[in-house]
Amino acid sequence: MKAITKTCSVCKKQLSRNEIGLCKKLLSEHSEPYCLVCLAELLNCTTEDLEYRIEMFKDEGCTLFG
């Protein structure tokens, strides 16, 4: 069985599990997927801010992140 790959809805970059998880966590389960660069632009923050959030959610034990 082939794994389904998701791409950013803006730039079409292939997404990591963390990027997909962050979109679900910050936007909604049914939101369009975004890469870190496009999500940072959408949320008016930096990619470093988003990377910090990913680590924070991982430390909290969130299973959306790998």
PDB file of N, CA and C in Angstrom:
ATOM      1  N   MET A   1       0.844  -1.174   0.000  1.00  0.00           N
ATOM      2  CA  MET A   1       0.000   0.000   0.000  1.00  0.00           C
ATOM      3  C   MET A   1       0.893   1.242   0.000  1.00  0.00           C
ATOM      4  N   LYS A   2       0.623   2.166  -0.892  1.00  0.00           N
ATOM      5  CA  LYS A   2       1.433   3.371  -1.042  1.00  0.00           C
ATOM      6  C   LYS A   2       0.970   4.459  -0.068  1.00  0.00           C
ATOM      7  N   ALA A   3       1.929   5.122   0.561  1.00  0.00           N
ATOM      8  CA  ALA A   3       1.597   6.211   1.489  1.00  0.00           C
ATOM      9  C   ALA A   3       1.117   7.428   0.707  1.00  0.00           C
ATOM     10  N   ILE A   4       0.156   8.114   1.251  1.00  0.00           N
ATOM     11  CA  ILE A   4      -0.355   9.327   0.633  1.00  0.00           C
ATOM     12  C   ILE A   4       0.551  10.488   1.029  1.00  0.00           C
ATOM     13  N   THR A   5       1.012  11.236   0.045  1.00  0.00           N
ATOM     14  CA  THR A   5       1.828  12.401   0.343  1.00  0.00           C
ATOM     15  C   THR A   5       0.986  13.649   0.139  1.00  0.00           C
ATOM     16  N   LYS A   6       1.177  14.604   1.017  1.00  0.00           N
ATOM     17  CA  LYS A   6       0.462  15.868   0.915  1.00  0.00           C
ATOM     18  C   LYS A   6       1.427  16.951   0.484  1.00  0.00           C
ATOM     19  N   THR A   7       0.894  17.919  -0.231  1.00  0.00           N
ATOM     20  CA  THR A   7       1.702  19.049  -0.669  1.00  0.00           C
ATOM     21  C   THR A   7       1.067  20.346  -0.187  1.00  0.00           C
ATOM     22  N   CYS A   8       1.887  21.374  -0.068  1.00  0.00           N
ATOM     23  CA  CYS A   8       1.430  22.693   0.351  1.00  0.00           C
ATOM     24  C   CYS A   8       0.407  23.204  -0.654  1.00  0.00           C
ATOM     25  N   SER A   9      -0.670  23.747  -0.157  1.00  0.00           N
ATOM     26  CA  SER A   9      -1.726  24.237  -1.043  1.00  0.00           C
ATOM     27  C   SER A   9      -1.326  25.513  -1.777  1.00  0.00           C
ATOM     28  N   VAL A  10      -0.227  26.147  -1.377  1.00  0.00           N
ATOM     29  CA  VAL A  10       0.234  27.371  -2.041  1.00  0.00           C
ATOM     30  C   VAL A  10       1.384  27.070  -3.001  1.00  0.00           C
ATOM     31  N   CYS A  11       2.492  26.528  -2.471  1.00  0.00           N
ATOM     32  CA  CYS A  11       3.710  26.363  -3.276  1.00  0.00           C
ATOM     33  C   CYS A  11       3.913  24.950  -3.809  1.00  0.00           C
ATOM     34  N   LYS A  12       3.097  24.012  -3.372  1.00  0.00           N
ATOM     35  CA  LYS A  12       3.125  22.607  -3.814  1.00  0.00           C
ATOM     36  C   LYS A  12       4.328  21.807  -3.321  1.00  0.00           C
ATOM     37  N   LYS A  13       5.060  22.321  -2.316  1.00  0.00           N
ATOM     38  CA  LYS A  13       6.171  21.585  -1.708  1.00  0.00           C
ATOM     39  C   LYS A  13       5.614  20.378  -0.959  1.00  0.00           C
ATOM     40  N   GLN A  14       6.339  19.246  -1.000  1.00  0.00           N
ATOM     41  CA  GLN A  14       5.935  18.074  -0.241  1.00  0.00           C
ATOM     42  C   GLN A  14       6.066  18.379   1.249  1.00  0.00           C
ATOM     43  N   LEU A  15       5.068  18.003   2.033  1.00  0.00           N
ATOM     44  CA  LEU A  15       5.023  18.356   3.450  1.00  0.00           C
ATOM     45  C   LEU A  15       5.516  17.230   4.349  1.00  0.00           C
ATOM     46  N   SER A  16       6.117  17.639   5.453  1.00  0.00           N
ATOM     47  CA  SER A  16       6.534  16.684   6.482  1.00  0.00           C
ATOM     48  C   SER A  16       5.352  16.416   7.418  1.00  0.00           C
ATOM     49  N   ARG A  17       5.488  15.385   8.215  1.00  0.00           N
ATOM     50  CA  ARG A  17       4.448  15.075   9.202  1.00  0.00           C
ATOM     51  C   ARG A  17       4.255  16.255  10.161  1.00  0.00           C
ATOM     52  N   ASN A  18       5.360  16.911  10.535  1.00  0.00           N
ATOM     53  CA  ASN A  18       5.261  18.049  11.452  1.00  0.00           C
ATOM     54  C   ASN A  18       4.506  19.219  10.839  1.00  0.00           C
ATOM     55  N   GLU A  19       4.729  19.485   9.555  1.00  0.00           N
ATOM     56  CA  GLU A  19       4.009  20.580   8.892  1.00  0.00           C
ATOM     57  C   GLU A  19       2.506  20.273   8.826  1.00  0.00           C
ATOM     58  N   ILE A  20       2.164  19.039   8.510  1.00  0.00           N
ATOM     59  CA  ILE A  20       0.752  18.638   8.456  1.00  0.00           C
ATOM     60  C   ILE A  20       0.128  18.747   9.848  1.00  0.00           C
ATOM     61  N   GLY A  21       0.843  18.243  10.859  1.00  0.00           N
ATOM     62  CA  GLY A  21       0.347  18.302  12.234  1.00  0.00           C
ATOM     63  C   GLY A  21       0.152  19.726  12.714  1.00  0.00           C
ATOM     64  N   LEU A  22       1.081  20.615  12.364  1.00  0.00           N
ATOM     65  CA  LEU A  22       0.982  21.999  12.803  1.00  0.00           C
ATOM     66  C   LEU A  22      -0.234  22.689  12.185  1.00  0.00           C
ATOM     67  N   CYS A  23      -0.508  22.422  10.926  1.00  0.00           N
ATOM     68  CA  CYS A  23      -1.697  22.997  10.284  1.00  0.00           C
ATOM     69  C   CYS A  23      -2.965  22.517  10.987  1.00  0.00           C
ATOM     70  N   LYS A  24      -3.011  21.231  11.301  1.00  0.00           N
ATOM     71  CA  LYS A  24      -4.184  20.689  12.001  1.00  0.00           C
ATOM     72  C   LYS A  24      -4.329  21.324  13.383  1.00  0.00           C
ATOM     73  N   LYS A  25      -3.204  21.485  14.083  1.00  0.00           N
ATOM     74  CA  LYS A  25      -3.233  22.007  15.452  1.00  0.00           C
ATOM     75  C   LYS A  25      -3.578  23.501  15.488  1.00  0.00           C
ATOM     76  N   LEU A  26      -2.990  24.285  14.581  1.00  0.00           N
ATOM     77  CA  LEU A  26      -3.185  25.738  14.622  1.00  0.00           C
ATOM     78  C   LEU A  26      -4.409  26.222  13.846  1.00  0.00           C
ATOM     79  N   LEU A  27      -4.763  25.527  12.777  1.00  0.00           N
ATOM     80  CA  LEU A  27      -5.872  25.992  11.938  1.00  0.00           C
ATOM     81  C   LEU A  27      -7.120  25.158  12.205  1.00  0.00           C
ATOM     82  N   SER A  28      -7.136  23.950  11.729  1.00  0.00           N
ATOM     83  CA  SER A  28      -8.210  22.999  12.029  1.00  0.00           C
ATOM     84  C   SER A  28      -7.878  21.672  11.371  1.00  0.00           C
ATOM     85  N   GLU A  29      -8.557  20.647  11.795  1.00  0.00           N
ATOM     86  CA  GLU A  29      -8.340  19.303  11.248  1.00  0.00           C
ATOM     87  C   GLU A  29      -8.597  19.263   9.748  1.00  0.00           C
ATOM     88  N   HIS A  30      -9.490  20.111   9.273  1.00  0.00           N
ATOM     89  CA  HIS A  30      -9.905  20.074   7.876  1.00  0.00           C
ATOM     90  C   HIS A  30      -9.343  21.229   7.048  1.00  0.00           C
ATOM     91  N   SER A  31      -8.330  21.911   7.564  1.00  0.00           N
ATOM     92  CA  SER A  31      -7.767  23.051   6.844  1.00  0.00           C
ATOM     93  C   SER A  31      -6.908  22.590   5.672  1.00  0.00           C
ATOM     94  N   GLU A  32      -6.641  23.506   4.784  1.00  0.00           N
ATOM     95  CA  GLU A  32      -5.702  23.256   3.700  1.00  0.00           C
ATOM     96  C   GLU A  32      -4.315  23.091   4.316  1.00  0.00           C
ATOM     97  N   PRO A  33      -3.487  22.202   3.768  1.00  0.00           N
ATOM     98  CA  PRO A  33      -2.132  22.037   4.306  1.00  0.00           C
ATOM     99  C   PRO A  33      -1.170  23.084   3.754  1.00  0.00           C
ATOM    100  N   TYR A  34      -0.272  23.555   4.602  1.00  0.00           N
ATOM    101  CA  TYR A  34       0.724  24.557   4.223  1.00  0.00           C
ATOM    102  C   TYR A  34       2.099  24.130   4.706  1.00  0.00           C
ATOM    103  N   CYS A  35       3.139  24.496   3.944  1.00  0.00           N
ATOM    104  CA  CYS A  35       4.509  24.304   4.420  1.00  0.00           C
ATOM    105  C   CYS A  35       4.797  25.391   5.461  1.00  0.00           C
ATOM    106  N   LEU A  36       5.914  25.280   6.163  1.00  0.00           N
ATOM    107  CA  LEU A  36       6.233  26.254   7.208  1.00  0.00           C
ATOM    108  C   LEU A  36       6.350  27.675   6.663  1.00  0.00           C
ATOM    109  N   VAL A  37       6.946  27.836   5.488  1.00  0.00           N
ATOM    110  CA  VAL A  37       7.123  29.172   4.917  1.00  0.00           C
ATOM    111  C   VAL A  37       5.776  29.805   4.595  1.00  0.00           C
ATOM    112  N   CYS A  38       4.901  29.067   3.926  1.00  0.00           N
ATOM    113  CA  CYS A  38       3.593  29.610   3.552  1.00  0.00           C
ATOM    114  C   CYS A  38       2.695  29.802   4.782  1.00  0.00           C
ATOM    115  N   LEU A  39       2.795  28.894   5.763  1.00  0.00           N
ATOM    116  CA  LEU A  39       2.012  29.039   6.993  1.00  0.00           C
ATOM    117  C   LEU A  39       2.473  30.255   7.780  1.00  0.00           C
ATOM    118  N   ALA A  40       3.773  30.490   7.838  1.00  0.00           N
ATOM    119  CA  ALA A  40       4.294  31.667   8.535  1.00  0.00           C
ATOM    120  C   ALA A  40       3.784  32.943   7.874  1.00  0.00           C
ATOM    121  N   GLU A  41       3.759  32.956   6.559  1.00  0.00           N
ATOM    122  CA  GLU A  41       3.237  34.129   5.851  1.00  0.00           C
ATOM    123  C   GLU A  41       1.754  34.318   6.144  1.00  0.00           C
ATOM    124  N   LEU A  42       1.002  33.224   6.139  1.00  0.00           N
ATOM    125  CA  LEU A  42      -0.434  33.279   6.424  1.00  0.00           C
ATOM    126  C   LEU A  42      -0.711  33.803   7.834  1.00  0.00           C
ATOM    127  N   LEU A  43       0.095  33.365   8.804  1.00  0.00           N
ATOM    128  CA  LEU A  43      -0.114  33.731  10.209  1.00  0.00           C
ATOM    129  C   LEU A  43       0.669  34.960  10.645  1.00  0.00           C
ATOM    130  N   ASN A  44       1.432  35.535   9.704  1.00  0.00           N
ATOM    131  CA  ASN A  44       2.218  36.738   9.983  1.00  0.00           C
ATOM    132  C   ASN A  44       3.191  36.519  11.150  1.00  0.00           C
ATOM    133  N   CYS A  45       3.968  35.436  11.027  1.00  0.00           N
ATOM    134  CA  CYS A  45       4.987  35.137  12.020  1.00  0.00           C
ATOM    135  C   CYS A  45       6.213  34.593  11.281  1.00  0.00           C
ATOM    136  N   THR A  46       7.205  34.117  12.014  1.00  0.00           N
ATOM    137  CA  THR A  46       8.405  33.571  11.383  1.00  0.00           C
ATOM    138  C   THR A  46       8.360  32.045  11.390  1.00  0.00           C
ATOM    139  N   THR A  47       9.180  31.438  10.542  1.00  0.00           N
ATOM    140  CA  THR A  47       9.275  29.981  10.560  1.00  0.00           C
ATOM    141  C   THR A  47       9.878  29.506  11.879  1.00  0.00           C
ATOM    142  N   GLU A  48      10.736  30.333  12.472  1.00  0.00           N
ATOM    143  CA  GLU A  48      11.310  29.981  13.775  1.00  0.00           C
ATOM    144  C   GLU A  48      10.222  29.903  14.842  1.00  0.00           C
ATOM    145  N   ASP A  49       9.251  30.825  14.775  1.00  0.00           N
ATOM    146  CA  ASP A  49       8.115  30.773  15.704  1.00  0.00           C
ATOM    147  C   ASP A  49       7.371  29.448  15.564  1.00  0.00           C
ATOM    148  N   LEU A  50       7.171  29.029  14.323  1.00  0.00           N
ATOM    149  CA  LEU A  50       6.434  27.787  14.071  1.00  0.00           C
ATOM    150  C   LEU A  50       7.237  26.572  14.503  1.00  0.00           C
ATOM    151  N   GLU A  51       8.546  26.582  14.266  1.00  0.00           N
ATOM    152  CA  GLU A  51       9.399  25.479  14.710  1.00  0.00           C
ATOM    153  C   GLU A  51       9.389  25.365  16.236  1.00  0.00           C
ATOM    154  N   TYR A  52       9.360  26.497  16.912  1.00  0.00           N
ATOM    155  CA  TYR A  52       9.261  26.505  18.378  1.00  0.00           C
ATOM    156  C   TYR A  52       7.950  25.843  18.814  1.00  0.00           C
ATOM    157  N   ARG A  53       6.869  26.195  18.144  1.00  0.00           N
ATOM    158  CA  ARG A  53       5.555  25.614  18.467  1.00  0.00           C
ATOM    159  C   ARG A  53       5.557  24.105  18.273  1.00  0.00           C
ATOM    160  N   ILE A  54       6.176  23.642  17.180  1.00  0.00           N
ATOM    161  CA  ILE A  54       6.253  22.205  16.930  1.00  0.00           C
ATOM    162  C   ILE A  54       6.949  21.507  18.100  1.00  0.00           C
ATOM    163  N   GLU A  55       8.083  22.041  18.532  1.00  0.00           N
ATOM    164  CA  GLU A  55       8.811  21.446  19.650  1.00  0.00           C
ATOM    165  C   GLU A  55       7.988  21.494  20.935  1.00  0.00           C
ATOM    166  N   MET A  56       7.270  22.578  21.142  1.00  0.00           N
ATOM    167  CA  MET A  56       6.420  22.711  22.316  1.00  0.00           C
ATOM    168  C   MET A  56       5.323  21.635  22.317  1.00  0.00           C
ATOM    169  N   PHE A  57       4.663  21.455  21.174  1.00  0.00           N
ATOM    170  CA  PHE A  57       3.608  20.453  21.082  1.00  0.00           C
ATOM    171  C   PHE A  57       4.171  19.040  21.240  1.00  0.00           C
ATOM    172  N   LYS A  58       5.360  18.777  20.699  1.00  0.00           N
ATOM    173  CA  LYS A  58       6.002  17.478  20.869  1.00  0.00           C
ATOM    174  C   LYS A  58       6.271  17.219  22.340  1.00  0.00           C
ATOM    175  N   ASP A  59       6.806  18.234  23.039  1.00  0.00           N
ATOM    176  CA  ASP A  59       7.108  18.089  24.469  1.00  0.00           C
ATOM    177  C   ASP A  59       5.853  17.828  25.285  1.00  0.00           C
ATOM    178  N   GLU A  60       4.719  18.352  24.816  1.00  0.00           N
ATOM    179  CA  GLU A  60       3.447  18.126  25.498  1.00  0.00           C
ATOM    180  C   GLU A  60       2.887  16.738  25.219  1.00  0.00           C
ATOM    181  N   GLY A  61       3.515  16.020  24.271  1.00  0.00           N
ATOM    182  CA  GLY A  61       3.071  14.674  23.949  1.00  0.00           C
ATOM    183  C   GLY A  61       2.036  14.583  22.850  1.00  0.00           C
ATOM    184  N   CYS A  62       1.847  15.647  22.087  1.00  0.00           N
ATOM    185  CA  CYS A  62       0.871  15.636  21.011  1.00  0.00           C
ATOM    186  C   CYS A  62       1.279  14.605  19.957  1.00  0.00           C
ATOM    187  N   THR A  63       0.367  13.737  19.580  1.00  0.00           N
ATOM    188  CA  THR A  63       0.672  12.649  18.637  1.00  0.00           C
ATOM    189  C   THR A  63       0.613  13.084  17.173  1.00  0.00           C
ATOM    190  N   LEU A  64       0.294  14.336  16.889  1.00  0.00           N
ATOM    191  CA  LEU A  64       0.270  14.812  15.508  1.00  0.00           C
ATOM    192  C   LEU A  64       1.674  15.034  14.965  1.00  0.00           C
ATOM    193  N   PHE A  65       2.682  15.021  15.846  1.00  0.00           N
ATOM    194  CA  PHE A  65       4.042  15.337  15.457  1.00  0.00           C
ATOM    195  C   PHE A  65       4.940  14.118  15.595  1.00  0.00           C
ATOM    196  N   GLY A  66       5.911  14.001  14.659  1.00  0.00           N
ATOM    197  CA  GLY A  66       6.765  12.829  14.629  1.00  0.00           C
ATOM    198  C   GLY A  66       8.127  13.037  15.198  1.00  0.00           C
TER     199      GLY A  66
END
